[in-house]
Amino acid sequence: MTISEQIKILCVRNDISVAELARRLGTSPQNFNGKMKRESFTVVDMERIAQVTGATFRREFVLKNGDTI
C-alpha cells in the first residue's frame, strides 16, 4: 500500500476529505494533491498529518529477531 493510499484511508476513517486535510495542514488542495501524486512525503509531513487528524505516526525498522530501530 502506498503512502497516498494510506492517507486516503486515514481521511475516510476520520470523515474528512483530502482537500480538508490539506487545509488543516495549511496548504492548498492542489499542492497537496501534487504531493499525493508524487508520493513525496517526508517523515515530518507524516507526523504533521497524524497530528492534525488525531492519529499517531510510527516509523521504525523491525529486525528479524523482533528488535526495532
N, C-alpha and C. Protein backbone atom coordinates (compact mmCIF):
# COMPACT_ATOMS: atom_id res chain seq x y z
N MET A 1 0.85 -1.17 0.00
CA MET A 1 0.00 0.00 0.00
C MET A 1 0.90 1.24 0.00
N THR A 2 0.56 2.19 -0.85
CA THR A 2 1.37 3.41 -0.93
C THR A 2 1.00 4.38 0.20
N ILE A 3 1.85 5.36 0.39
CA ILE A 3 1.58 6.39 1.40
C ILE A 3 0.29 7.13 1.06
N SER A 4 0.11 7.46 -0.23
CA SER A 4 -1.10 8.17 -0.63
C SER A 4 -2.35 7.36 -0.34
N GLU A 5 -2.29 6.06 -0.57
CA GLU A 5 -3.44 5.20 -0.24
C GLU A 5 -3.71 5.21 1.26
N GLN A 6 -2.65 5.17 2.04
CA GLN A 6 -2.82 5.22 3.50
C GLN A 6 -3.44 6.54 3.93
N ILE A 7 -3.03 7.64 3.33
CA ILE A 7 -3.58 8.95 3.66
C ILE A 7 -5.06 9.01 3.29
N LYS A 8 -5.42 8.47 2.15
CA LYS A 8 -6.83 8.44 1.74
C LYS A 8 -7.68 7.64 2.72
N ILE A 9 -7.17 6.51 3.16
CA ILE A 9 -7.89 5.69 4.15
C ILE A 9 -8.00 6.45 5.46
N LEU A 10 -6.95 7.12 5.87
CA LEU A 10 -6.96 7.94 7.08
C LEU A 10 -8.06 9.00 6.99
N CYS A 11 -8.17 9.62 5.85
CA CYS A 11 -9.21 10.64 5.65
C CYS A 11 -10.60 10.03 5.74
N VAL A 12 -10.81 8.91 5.10
CA VAL A 12 -12.12 8.24 5.14
C VAL A 12 -12.49 7.89 6.58
N ARG A 13 -11.55 7.33 7.29
CA ARG A 13 -11.83 6.91 8.67
C ARG A 13 -12.04 8.09 9.61
N ASN A 14 -11.51 9.26 9.24
CA ASN A 14 -11.71 10.47 10.04
C ASN A 14 -12.83 11.34 9.49
N ASP A 15 -13.52 10.83 8.46
CA ASP A 15 -14.66 11.52 7.85
C ASP A 15 -14.31 12.94 7.39
N ILE A 16 -13.13 13.05 6.74
CA ILE A 16 -12.73 14.32 6.14
C ILE A 16 -12.27 14.06 4.71
N SER A 17 -12.32 15.08 3.89
CA SER A 17 -11.82 14.94 2.53
C SER A 17 -10.32 15.20 2.50
N VAL A 18 -9.69 14.80 1.43
CA VAL A 18 -8.27 15.09 1.26
C VAL A 18 -8.07 16.61 1.18
N ALA A 19 -9.02 17.31 0.57
CA ALA A 19 -8.94 18.77 0.50
C ALA A 19 -9.00 19.38 1.89
N GLU A 20 -9.86 18.85 2.75
CA GLU A 20 -9.94 19.34 4.13
C GLU A 20 -8.64 19.07 4.88
N LEU A 21 -8.06 17.92 4.66
CA LEU A 21 -6.77 17.60 5.28
C LEU A 21 -5.72 18.63 4.83
N ALA A 22 -5.71 18.94 3.55
CA ALA A 22 -4.76 19.94 3.04
C ALA A 22 -4.95 21.27 3.75
N ARG A 23 -6.19 21.69 3.89
CA ARG A 23 -6.45 22.97 4.57
C ARG A 23 -5.99 22.93 6.02
N ARG A 24 -6.22 21.82 6.69
CA ARG A 24 -5.78 21.69 8.09
C ARG A 24 -4.26 21.75 8.19
N LEU A 25 -3.59 21.32 7.13
CA LEU A 25 -2.13 21.36 7.10
C LEU A 25 -1.59 22.72 6.68
N GLY A 26 -2.50 23.61 6.27
CA GLY A 26 -2.08 24.95 5.87
C GLY A 26 -1.58 25.04 4.45
N THR A 27 -2.02 24.13 3.61
CA THR A 27 -1.61 24.15 2.20
C THR A 27 -2.85 24.08 1.33
N SER A 28 -2.68 24.33 0.06
CA SER A 28 -3.83 24.26 -0.84
C SER A 28 -4.09 22.81 -1.24
N PRO A 29 -5.34 22.49 -1.53
CA PRO A 29 -5.64 21.14 -2.01
C PRO A 29 -4.85 20.78 -3.27
N GLN A 30 -4.60 21.76 -4.15
CA GLN A 30 -3.84 21.50 -5.37
C GLN A 30 -2.40 21.08 -5.05
N ASN A 31 -1.76 21.82 -4.13
CA ASN A 31 -0.39 21.46 -3.75
C ASN A 31 -0.34 20.09 -3.09
N PHE A 32 -1.32 19.83 -2.22
CA PHE A 32 -1.34 18.55 -1.51
C PHE A 32 -1.58 17.39 -2.48
N ASN A 33 -2.48 17.60 -3.44
CA ASN A 33 -2.73 16.55 -4.43
C ASN A 33 -1.48 16.27 -5.25
N GLY A 34 -0.69 17.30 -5.52
CA GLY A 34 0.58 17.09 -6.22
C GLY A 34 1.52 16.21 -5.42
N LYS A 35 1.59 16.45 -4.11
CA LYS A 35 2.43 15.60 -3.24
C LYS A 35 1.91 14.18 -3.24
N MET A 36 0.58 14.05 -3.26
CA MET A 36 -0.02 12.71 -3.27
C MET A 36 0.38 11.97 -4.55
N LYS A 37 0.33 12.65 -5.68
CA LYS A 37 0.68 12.02 -6.95
C LYS A 37 2.15 11.65 -7.01
N ARG A 38 3.01 12.52 -6.46
CA ARG A 38 4.46 12.27 -6.49
C ARG A 38 4.93 11.35 -5.37
N GLU A 39 4.05 11.11 -4.38
CA GLU A 39 4.45 10.32 -3.21
C GLU A 39 5.67 10.95 -2.55
N SER A 40 5.63 12.26 -2.38
CA SER A 40 6.83 12.97 -1.89
C SER A 40 6.64 13.49 -0.47
N PHE A 41 6.26 12.60 0.44
CA PHE A 41 6.06 12.99 1.83
C PHE A 41 7.29 12.67 2.65
N THR A 42 7.68 13.63 3.48
CA THR A 42 8.79 13.40 4.41
C THR A 42 8.23 12.83 5.71
N VAL A 43 9.10 12.40 6.57
CA VAL A 43 8.69 11.93 7.88
C VAL A 43 8.00 13.06 8.65
N VAL A 44 8.52 14.26 8.53
CA VAL A 44 7.91 15.42 9.19
C VAL A 44 6.49 15.64 8.66
N ASP A 45 6.30 15.51 7.34
CA ASP A 45 4.96 15.62 6.76
C ASP A 45 4.02 14.60 7.37
N MET A 46 4.47 13.38 7.48
CA MET A 46 3.63 12.31 8.01
C MET A 46 3.28 12.55 9.48
N GLU A 47 4.25 13.04 10.24
CA GLU A 47 3.98 13.36 11.64
C GLU A 47 2.96 14.47 11.76
N ARG A 48 3.03 15.45 10.89
CA ARG A 48 2.07 16.57 10.90
C ARG A 48 0.67 16.09 10.49
N ILE A 49 0.60 15.22 9.49
CA ILE A 49 -0.69 14.65 9.08
C ILE A 49 -1.31 13.90 10.25
N ALA A 50 -0.51 13.11 10.94
CA ALA A 50 -1.01 12.39 12.11
C ALA A 50 -1.51 13.37 13.17
N GLN A 51 -0.76 14.42 13.40
CA GLN A 51 -1.13 15.40 14.43
C GLN A 51 -2.48 16.04 14.13
N VAL A 52 -2.70 16.48 12.89
CA VAL A 52 -3.94 17.19 12.58
C VAL A 52 -5.15 16.27 12.47
N THR A 53 -4.90 14.96 12.37
CA THR A 53 -6.02 14.00 12.31
C THR A 53 -6.22 13.27 13.63
N GLY A 54 -5.39 13.56 14.61
CA GLY A 54 -5.52 12.89 15.90
C GLY A 54 -5.01 11.47 15.90
N ALA A 55 -4.16 11.16 14.95
CA ALA A 55 -3.59 9.82 14.85
C ALA A 55 -2.15 9.82 15.39
N THR A 56 -1.55 8.67 15.39
CA THR A 56 -0.15 8.52 15.77
C THR A 56 0.59 7.94 14.57
N PHE A 57 1.71 8.53 14.23
CA PHE A 57 2.55 8.02 13.15
C PHE A 57 3.77 7.36 13.77
N ARG A 58 3.97 6.10 13.45
CA ARG A 58 5.13 5.37 13.95
C ARG A 58 6.04 5.02 12.79
N ARG A 59 7.29 5.27 12.97
CA ARG A 59 8.27 4.87 11.96
C ARG A 59 9.35 4.07 12.65
N GLU A 60 9.59 2.90 12.14
CA GLU A 60 10.60 2.04 12.75
C GLU A 60 10.97 0.93 11.79
N PHE A 61 12.15 0.42 11.99
CA PHE A 61 12.59 -0.78 11.30
C PHE A 61 12.41 -1.92 12.28
N VAL A 62 11.92 -3.03 11.81
CA VAL A 62 11.77 -4.22 12.64
C VAL A 62 12.73 -5.28 12.12
N LEU A 63 13.67 -5.68 12.95
CA LEU A 63 14.65 -6.69 12.56
C LEU A 63 14.02 -8.09 12.64
N LYS A 64 14.68 -9.05 12.02
CA LYS A 64 14.17 -10.42 12.01
C LYS A 64 13.95 -10.98 13.41
N ASN A 65 14.78 -10.52 14.35
CA ASN A 65 14.66 -11.03 15.71
C ASN A 65 13.59 -10.28 16.52
N GLY A 66 12.90 -9.33 15.87
CA GLY A 66 11.84 -8.59 16.54
C GLY A 66 12.27 -7.25 17.13
N ASP A 67 13.58 -7.01 17.18
CA ASP A 67 14.05 -5.72 17.68
C ASP A 67 13.61 -4.60 16.73
N THR A 68 13.40 -3.44 17.29
CA THR A 68 13.03 -2.29 16.47
C THR A 68 14.07 -1.20 16.59
N ILE A 69 14.21 -0.46 15.53
CA ILE A 69 15.18 0.64 15.47
C ILE A 69 14.39 1.89 15.08
